[in-house]
Protein backbone atom coordinates (compact mmCIF):
# COMPACT_ATOMS: atom_id res chain seq x y z
CA MET A 1 34.45 16.61 74.32
CA GLN A 2 31.77 18.69 72.61
CA GLN A 3 29.04 20.20 74.78
CA ILE A 4 25.38 20.56 73.80
CA LEU A 5 23.03 22.91 75.64
CA THR A 6 19.41 21.71 75.76
CA LEU A 7 16.82 24.44 76.31
CA ASN A 8 13.78 22.17 76.45
CA LYS A 9 13.05 18.60 77.32
CA ILE A 10 14.41 16.72 74.31
CA SER A 11 13.36 13.18 73.45
CA PRO A 12 15.78 10.66 75.01
CA ILE A 13 15.62 8.67 71.78
CA GLY A 14 17.20 11.64 70.03
CA LEU A 15 19.77 12.37 72.72
CA GLU A 16 20.95 8.77 72.68
CA LYS A 17 22.11 9.35 69.10
CA PHE A 18 25.00 11.41 70.50
CA ASP A 19 28.25 9.46 70.88
CA ARG A 20 28.81 9.57 74.64
CA SER A 21 32.56 9.36 74.13
CA ARG A 22 32.48 12.66 72.19
CA TYR A 23 29.50 14.61 73.51
CA THR A 24 27.96 15.77 76.76
CA TRP A 25 24.63 17.54 77.04
CA GLY A 26 22.34 19.17 79.57
CA GLU A 27 20.53 22.32 80.67
CA ASN A 28 23.46 23.88 82.55
CA VAL A 29 26.24 24.00 79.96
CA GLU A 30 28.25 27.23 80.23
CA ALA A 31 30.25 27.15 76.98
CA PRO A 32 28.21 25.02 74.58
CA ASP A 33 29.38 24.10 71.11
CA ALA A 34 25.76 23.83 69.99
CA VAL A 35 22.19 24.27 71.23
CA LEU A 36 19.19 21.95 70.96
CA VAL A 37 15.84 23.73 71.33
CA ARG A 38 12.16 23.11 70.79
CA SER A 39 9.88 26.02 71.73
CA ALA A 40 12.01 28.09 74.14
CA SER A 41 12.52 31.67 72.94
CA MET A 42 16.15 32.55 72.24
CA HIS A 43 15.61 36.16 71.15
CA ASP A 44 16.77 37.63 74.47
CA MET A 45 19.31 34.93 75.22
CA PRO A 46 23.00 35.87 75.09
CA LEU A 47 24.77 33.58 72.64
CA PRO A 48 28.21 32.53 73.92
CA PRO A 49 31.06 32.80 71.38
CA SER A 50 31.48 29.02 71.63
CA VAL A 51 28.15 28.32 69.94
CA LYS A 52 28.62 27.09 66.37
CA ALA A 53 25.15 25.74 65.64
CA ILE A 54 21.55 25.64 66.84
CA ALA A 55 19.11 22.89 65.95
CA ARG A 56 15.37 23.37 66.36
CA ALA A 57 13.58 20.07 66.96
CA GLY A 58 10.65 21.12 64.78
CA ALA A 59 9.91 23.07 61.64
CA GLY A 60 9.16 26.62 62.80
CA VAL A 61 12.10 28.82 63.83
CA ASN A 62 10.30 31.98 64.97
CA ASN A 63 11.83 31.47 68.44
CA ILE A 64 15.40 31.82 67.13
CA PRO A 65 17.14 35.10 66.11
CA LEU A 66 18.12 33.94 62.64
CA ASP A 67 19.73 37.18 61.44
CA GLU A 68 21.84 37.56 64.57
CA CYS A 69 22.99 33.96 64.26
CA ALA A 70 23.97 34.43 60.61
CA ARG A 71 25.97 37.56 61.50
CA LYS A 72 27.85 35.51 64.10
CA GLY A 73 28.41 32.53 61.80
CA ILE A 74 26.06 30.26 63.74
CA ALA A 75 24.26 27.72 61.55
CA VAL A 76 20.60 27.26 62.46
CA PHE A 77 18.87 24.01 61.52
CA ASN A 78 15.27 22.85 61.58
CA THR A 79 13.80 19.41 61.02
CA PRO A 80 11.52 19.59 57.97
CA GLY A 81 9.27 16.59 57.54
CA ALA A 82 10.01 15.04 60.92
CA ASN A 83 6.62 16.06 62.30
CA ALA A 84 4.80 16.04 58.97
CA ASN A 85 2.68 12.97 59.60
CA ALA A 86 1.49 14.28 62.96
CA VAL A 87 0.36 17.58 61.43
CA LYS A 88 -1.20 15.77 58.48
CA GLU A 89 -3.32 13.65 60.81
CA ILE A 90 -4.57 16.58 62.87
CA THR A 91 -5.33 18.51 59.67
CA ILE A 92 -7.56 15.67 58.48
CA LEU A 93 -9.22 15.77 61.89
CA GLY A 94 -9.65 19.52 61.39
CA LEU A 95 -11.36 18.95 58.05
CA LEU A 96 -13.90 16.67 59.70
CA MET A 97 -14.43 19.01 62.64
CA ALA A 98 -14.97 21.94 60.28
CA SER A 99 -17.79 20.01 58.62
CA ARG A 100 -19.52 17.99 61.30
CA LYS A 101 -19.62 20.41 64.26
CA VAL A 102 -18.19 17.74 66.50
CA ALA A 103 -16.69 20.14 69.04
CA SER A 104 -19.86 22.15 69.64
CA SER A 105 -22.02 19.01 69.72
CA MET A 106 -19.85 17.50 72.45
CA GLU A 107 -20.19 20.65 74.51
CA TRP A 108 -23.97 20.58 74.02
CA VAL A 109 -24.21 16.96 75.14
CA LYS A 110 -22.59 17.94 78.45
CA THR A 111 -25.57 20.21 79.14
CA LEU A 112 -27.87 17.18 79.12
CA LYS A 113 -26.23 15.69 82.18
CA GLY A 114 -28.93 14.83 84.72
CA SER A 115 -31.73 14.43 82.17
CA GLY A 116 -32.18 10.81 83.14
CA ASP A 117 -34.63 8.90 80.95
CA GLU A 118 -35.18 12.03 78.85
CA THR A 119 -31.57 12.05 77.60
CA ALA A 120 -32.20 10.02 74.45
CA LYS A 121 -35.25 12.11 73.50
CA LYS A 122 -33.37 15.37 74.01
CA ILE A 123 -30.48 14.10 71.90
CA GLU A 124 -32.79 13.16 69.03
CA LYS A 125 -34.58 16.49 69.25
CA GLY A 126 -31.45 18.64 69.42
CA LYS A 127 -28.97 16.90 67.15
CA GLY A 128 -30.26 18.70 64.08
CA ALA A 129 -28.42 21.83 65.15
CA PHE A 130 -25.12 20.06 64.50
CA THR A 131 -25.59 18.63 61.04
CA GLY A 132 -22.86 19.27 58.51
CA PRO A 133 -21.69 18.16 55.06
CA GLU A 134 -19.46 15.25 54.16
CA ILE A 135 -16.04 16.08 52.77
CA LYS A 136 -16.20 13.51 49.97
CA GLY A 137 -16.68 15.21 46.63
CA LYS A 138 -15.82 18.67 48.00
CA LYS A 139 -12.92 20.81 46.79
CA LEU A 140 -9.94 21.36 49.06
CA GLY A 141 -7.26 23.97 48.45
CA VAL A 142 -3.85 23.24 49.96
CA ILE A 143 -1.66 26.35 50.16
CA GLY A 144 1.94 25.29 50.66
CA LEU A 145 3.16 21.95 49.29
CA GLY A 146 6.08 21.17 51.52
CA ALA A 147 6.40 17.95 53.50
CA ILE A 148 3.12 18.51 55.37
CA GLY A 149 1.09 20.00 52.52
CA VAL A 150 1.85 17.10 50.18
CA LEU A 151 0.80 14.55 52.79
CA VAL A 152 -2.44 16.45 53.44
CA ALA A 153 -3.19 16.74 49.73
CA ASN A 154 -2.61 13.04 49.14
CA ALA A 155 -4.66 12.01 52.18
CA ALA A 156 -7.56 14.27 51.22
CA ALA A 157 -7.54 12.91 47.68
CA GLY A 158 -7.69 9.42 49.16
CA LEU A 159 -10.81 10.47 51.09
CA GLY A 160 -12.54 11.43 47.86
CA MET A 161 -11.92 15.17 47.82
CA THR A 162 -10.96 17.12 44.72
CA VAL A 163 -7.68 18.74 45.71
CA TYR A 164 -6.07 21.92 44.39
CA GLY A 165 -2.47 22.58 45.41
CA TYR A 166 -0.62 25.90 45.28
CA ASP A 167 3.07 26.48 45.91
CA PRO A 168 5.23 28.77 43.75
CA TYR A 169 8.34 27.18 45.29
CA LEU A 170 7.37 23.54 44.80
CA SER A 171 10.44 21.32 45.05
CA VAL A 172 11.19 18.44 42.72
CA ASP A 173 10.98 15.97 45.62
CA ALA A 174 7.57 17.30 46.65
CA ALA A 175 6.32 17.11 43.08
CA TRP A 176 7.38 13.47 42.82
CA SER A 177 5.64 12.68 46.12
CA MET A 178 2.33 14.26 45.16
CA SER A 179 -0.59 12.27 43.77
CA ALA A 180 -1.17 12.78 40.05
CA SER A 181 -4.80 13.59 40.88
CA ILE A 182 -3.87 16.91 42.54
CA TYR A 183 -4.76 19.94 40.44
CA HIS A 184 -1.96 22.47 40.03
CA ALA A 185 -3.31 25.88 41.04
CA LYS A 186 -1.28 28.54 39.27
CA THR A 187 -2.45 31.37 41.53
CA LEU A 188 -3.99 31.81 44.96
CA GLY A 189 -7.05 33.04 43.13
CA ASP A 190 -7.54 29.53 41.74
CA ILE A 191 -7.75 28.29 45.33
CA TYR A 192 -9.93 31.08 46.69
CA GLU A 193 -12.47 31.02 43.88
CA ASN A 194 -12.94 27.26 43.58
CA CYS A 195 -12.44 25.57 46.93
CA ASP A 196 -14.96 24.67 49.62
CA TYR A 197 -12.16 24.09 52.13
CA ILE A 198 -8.77 25.81 52.36
CA THR A 199 -5.87 24.65 54.52
CA LEU A 200 -2.64 26.59 55.14
CA HIS A 201 0.75 24.85 55.25
CA LEU A 202 3.37 27.54 54.66
CA PRO A 203 5.77 29.57 56.82
CA CYS A 204 5.02 33.05 58.06
CA THR A 205 7.31 35.47 56.23
CA GLY A 206 7.18 39.11 55.24
CA GLU A 207 5.44 37.95 52.07
CA THR A 208 2.85 35.65 53.70
CA LYS A 209 2.07 37.39 56.99
CA GLY A 210 -1.57 38.47 57.00
CA MET A 211 -2.27 36.83 53.64
CA ILE A 212 -5.74 35.81 54.87
CA ASN A 213 -7.37 39.23 55.20
CA ALA A 214 -10.52 41.08 54.19
CA SER A 215 -9.34 41.37 50.60
CA SER A 216 -8.44 37.71 50.08
CA ILE A 217 -11.48 36.48 52.03
CA ALA A 218 -13.76 38.51 49.75
CA THR A 219 -12.59 36.43 46.77
CA MET A 220 -13.36 33.11 48.49
CA LYS A 221 -16.51 31.09 48.02
CA ASN A 222 -19.36 31.92 50.39
CA GLY A 223 -19.39 29.46 53.28
CA VAL A 224 -15.76 28.40 52.83
CA ARG A 225 -14.19 26.43 55.66
CA LEU A 226 -10.67 27.53 56.58
CA LEU A 227 -7.97 25.57 58.44
CA ASN A 228 -4.73 26.95 59.85
CA PHE A 229 -2.21 24.48 61.24
CA ALA A 230 0.76 26.56 60.05
CA ARG A 231 1.10 29.92 61.86
CA GLY A 232 -1.43 32.24 63.47
CA GLU A 233 0.13 35.34 61.92
CA LEU A 234 -0.91 34.22 58.45
CA VAL A 235 -4.43 35.39 59.33
CA VAL A 236 -5.58 38.92 60.21
CA THR A 237 -7.67 38.27 63.32
CA GLU A 238 -10.13 41.15 62.94
CA ASP A 239 -10.88 40.28 59.32
CA LEU A 240 -11.29 36.61 60.14
CA LEU A 241 -13.74 37.32 62.98
CA GLU A 242 -15.80 39.59 60.75
CA ALA A 243 -15.93 36.93 58.03
CA VAL A 244 -17.07 34.29 60.51
CA GLU A 245 -19.68 36.64 61.94
CA GLN A 246 -21.04 37.33 58.45
CA LYS A 247 -20.90 33.59 57.63
CA LYS A 248 -18.61 34.23 54.69
CA ILE A 249 -16.43 31.68 56.48
CA SER A 250 -18.58 28.84 57.84
CA CYS A 251 -15.91 27.55 60.18
CA TYR A 252 -12.33 28.38 61.11
CA VAL A 253 -10.19 25.64 62.63
CA THR A 254 -6.89 26.83 64.05
CA ASP A 255 -4.03 25.48 66.10
CA PHE A 256 -2.98 29.08 66.90
CA PRO A 257 -6.00 30.85 68.41
CA ALA A 258 -5.83 34.54 69.28
CA ASP A 259 -7.55 35.57 72.49
CA GLU A 260 -10.44 37.10 70.56
CA MET A 261 -11.17 33.77 68.86
CA ILE A 262 -11.59 31.66 71.97
CA GLY A 263 -15.19 30.76 72.69
CA ARG A 264 -16.52 32.21 69.44
CA GLU A 265 -19.18 30.28 67.55
CA ASN A 266 -17.94 28.47 64.43
CA ILE A 267 -14.30 28.74 65.51
CA VAL A 268 -12.59 25.52 66.58
CA ALA A 269 -9.54 26.50 68.62
CA LEU A 270 -6.86 23.94 69.45
CA PRO A 271 -3.84 24.54 71.74
CA HIS A 272 -1.03 24.03 69.20
CA LEU A 273 -1.40 20.25 69.11
CA GLY A 274 -0.14 19.78 65.56
CA ALA A 275 3.19 18.11 66.33
CA SER A 276 2.35 17.00 69.87
CA THR A 277 2.82 13.28 69.45
CA PRO A 278 5.56 11.14 70.96
CA GLU A 279 6.47 9.89 67.49
CA SER A 280 6.89 13.42 66.20
CA GLU A 281 9.03 14.50 69.13
CA ASP A 282 11.24 11.45 68.68
CA ASN A 283 11.61 12.03 64.94
CA CYS A 284 12.43 15.72 65.37
CA ALA A 285 15.03 15.04 68.04
CA VAL A 286 16.73 12.31 66.02
CA MET A 287 16.95 14.55 62.95
CA ALA A 288 18.17 17.55 64.96
CA VAL A 289 20.94 15.53 66.59
CA ALA A 290 22.00 14.15 63.20
CA GLU A 291 22.19 17.68 61.76
CA LEU A 292 24.29 18.96 64.67
CA THR A 293 26.73 16.08 64.72
CA ASP A 294 27.16 16.20 60.93
CA TYR A 295 27.97 19.90 61.10
CA LEU A 296 30.25 19.71 64.12
CA GLU A 297 32.15 16.66 62.86
CA THR A 298 32.24 17.15 59.07
CA GLY A 299 31.22 20.78 58.51
CA ASN A 300 28.35 19.73 56.25
CA ILE A 301 25.27 21.95 56.39
CA VAL A 302 21.94 20.20 55.75
CA HIS A 303 18.54 21.81 56.43
CA SER A 304 19.92 25.16 57.54
CA VAL A 305 17.47 28.05 57.55
CA ASN A 306 19.98 30.92 57.68
CA LEU A 307 23.12 29.69 55.89
CA PRO A 308 23.57 27.88 52.56
CA ASN A 309 23.21 24.11 52.52
CA VAL A 310 26.61 22.74 51.49
CA SER A 311 27.88 19.16 51.70
CA LEU A 312 31.13 17.50 50.72
CA PRO A 313 32.15 13.87 51.39
CA ARG A 314 34.94 13.81 53.96
CA SER A 315 38.39 12.75 52.75
CA ALA A 316 39.95 10.37 55.24
CA GLY A 317 42.81 11.83 57.20
CA MET A 318 42.60 15.29 55.69
CA PRO A 319 41.95 18.35 57.82
CA ARG A 320 38.91 20.34 56.72
CA VAL A 321 38.68 24.11 56.88
CA CYS A 322 35.15 25.54 57.18
CA VAL A 323 34.58 29.23 56.60
CA VAL A 324 31.38 31.26 57.05
CA HIS A 325 31.73 34.54 55.19
CA LEU A 326 29.89 37.28 53.37
CA ASN A 327 28.94 36.59 49.78
CA VAL A 328 31.29 39.08 48.14
CA SER A 329 33.28 38.87 44.93
CA GLY A 330 36.91 37.75 45.12
CA LEU A 331 36.82 36.50 48.70
CA ILE A 332 37.42 32.83 47.88
CA ASN A 333 40.61 33.82 46.03
CA LYS A 334 41.79 35.56 49.18
CA LEU A 335 40.99 32.49 51.29
CA THR A 336 42.92 30.18 48.96
CA ALA A 337 45.86 32.59 48.99
CA VAL A 338 46.01 32.50 52.81
CA ILE A 339 45.84 28.70 52.77
CA SER A 340 48.61 28.44 50.19
CA GLU A 341 50.87 30.89 52.05
CA ALA A 342 50.34 28.79 55.20
CA GLY A 343 51.60 25.68 53.40
CA GLY A 344 48.28 24.01 52.71
CA ASN A 345 47.38 22.29 49.46
CA ILE A 346 43.67 22.29 48.54
CA GLU A 347 42.56 18.77 47.56
CA ASN A 348 38.78 19.40 47.52
CA MET A 349 36.67 22.51 47.79
CA ILE A 350 32.99 23.44 47.75
CA SER A 351 31.18 26.72 48.27
CA GLY A 352 27.59 27.90 48.37
CA SER A 353 25.73 31.11 49.06
CA ARG A 354 22.42 32.21 50.52
CA LYS A 355 21.62 35.87 49.94
CA GLU A 356 24.38 37.90 51.62
CA TYR A 357 26.05 34.92 53.32
CA ALA A 358 28.27 32.16 51.96
CA TYR A 359 29.98 29.03 53.25
CA THR A 360 33.11 27.37 51.90
CA MET A 361 34.86 24.13 52.84
CA PHE A 362 38.40 23.09 51.92
CA ASP A 363 40.00 19.65 52.37
CA LEU A 364 43.75 20.18 52.74
CA SER A 365 46.99 18.27 52.57
CA GLY A 366 50.42 19.49 53.57
CA ASN A 367 51.62 21.08 56.78
CA ILE A 368 48.69 22.96 58.26
CA PRO A 369 49.67 25.48 60.95
CA ALA A 370 47.63 25.53 64.14
CA ASP A 371 46.82 29.21 63.67
CA LEU A 372 45.35 28.87 60.15
CA ALA A 373 41.80 29.55 61.37
CA GLU A 374 43.00 32.73 63.09
CA LYS A 375 44.66 33.90 59.89
CA LEU A 376 41.50 33.25 57.90
CA ASP A 377 39.44 35.16 60.46
CA GLN A 378 41.58 38.22 59.75
CA VAL A 379 40.54 38.29 56.08
CA PRO A 380 37.95 41.05 55.55
CA ASN A 381 34.35 39.77 55.26
CA VAL A 382 35.15 36.45 56.96
CA ILE A 383 32.73 35.83 59.80
CA ARG A 384 33.99 32.62 61.31
CA SER A 385 36.34 29.78 60.44
CA ARG A 386 37.32 26.51 62.05
CA ILE A 387 39.44 23.47 61.32
CA ILE A 388 38.07 19.97 61.95
């Protein structure tokens, strides 16, 4: 029986995808085979040696110590695309709120409470302070064309916007999914110089952290409207506040407000609502469970964020050896030598690498000794091996 530790409330629709005859799960598992997590921070959490995999029911993995997990041979998964529609919808809402001053107008209307018969007159007199442009015909720059960015670009084009998309790592699948009307921006400068609205849909990495700063803002159009439903750290807070104060940025809509942003004029701050829909939580949980069970039962790695993605159809009746190791020359030859000396015959094999780490699977025939995984673990540069 394999045990799954849940660190947050996980959608029951997802949990029901576990085969109850093979899995148990809960919040008080002492020696889990895998972990299911949403937003709980795992950076200070001791990881038991039993843990083979962690699945994040969501896209962002900032709450998981990815490097430590890789060093221990723990595969970390996320669920790209599972919450994409939810974030797309709230981004479109953000576009409208950036233009039409809906949030501030609603707060102003509350101040009219008690005006009695004068309410209608006061509304007509004061509504002019909340006028704003339509989005149709305006230019939108979408930075990051993953699952969410493509949906946003297509939806905005459908609303009559002229859309520029930028992503130096655009996948073939994303390219096929994108409307032919989307302009391909070759540089960020193409976005900054041309677009009336800019929306961020990319991860926060060493390369992208603080990408929206005084320097990049200076190249944007005056009065640009900026949306951030990706990660707060993409924006330098002090530079953003200065740009809003100087009206270089007409409005900033963010799902990740810093303390200094709350209550500021022309900043619409939302409490990380992007993926907060029941449909999104269900989709993420279902995908996360599928990734864990596939890895635990077949060794296949799909949607890992710290190890290479490697898949091999399972040969019926054959034991499979799965090895996480460093990506060093000659190591696979050493692994095959150990397998051969142990009496195993390699029927199928696949290997992949991701930076300094690699993952190799062998389907074997012959007499496989029970201690083969232990022998493989003794090979230098092997991190972890198991037989399933």
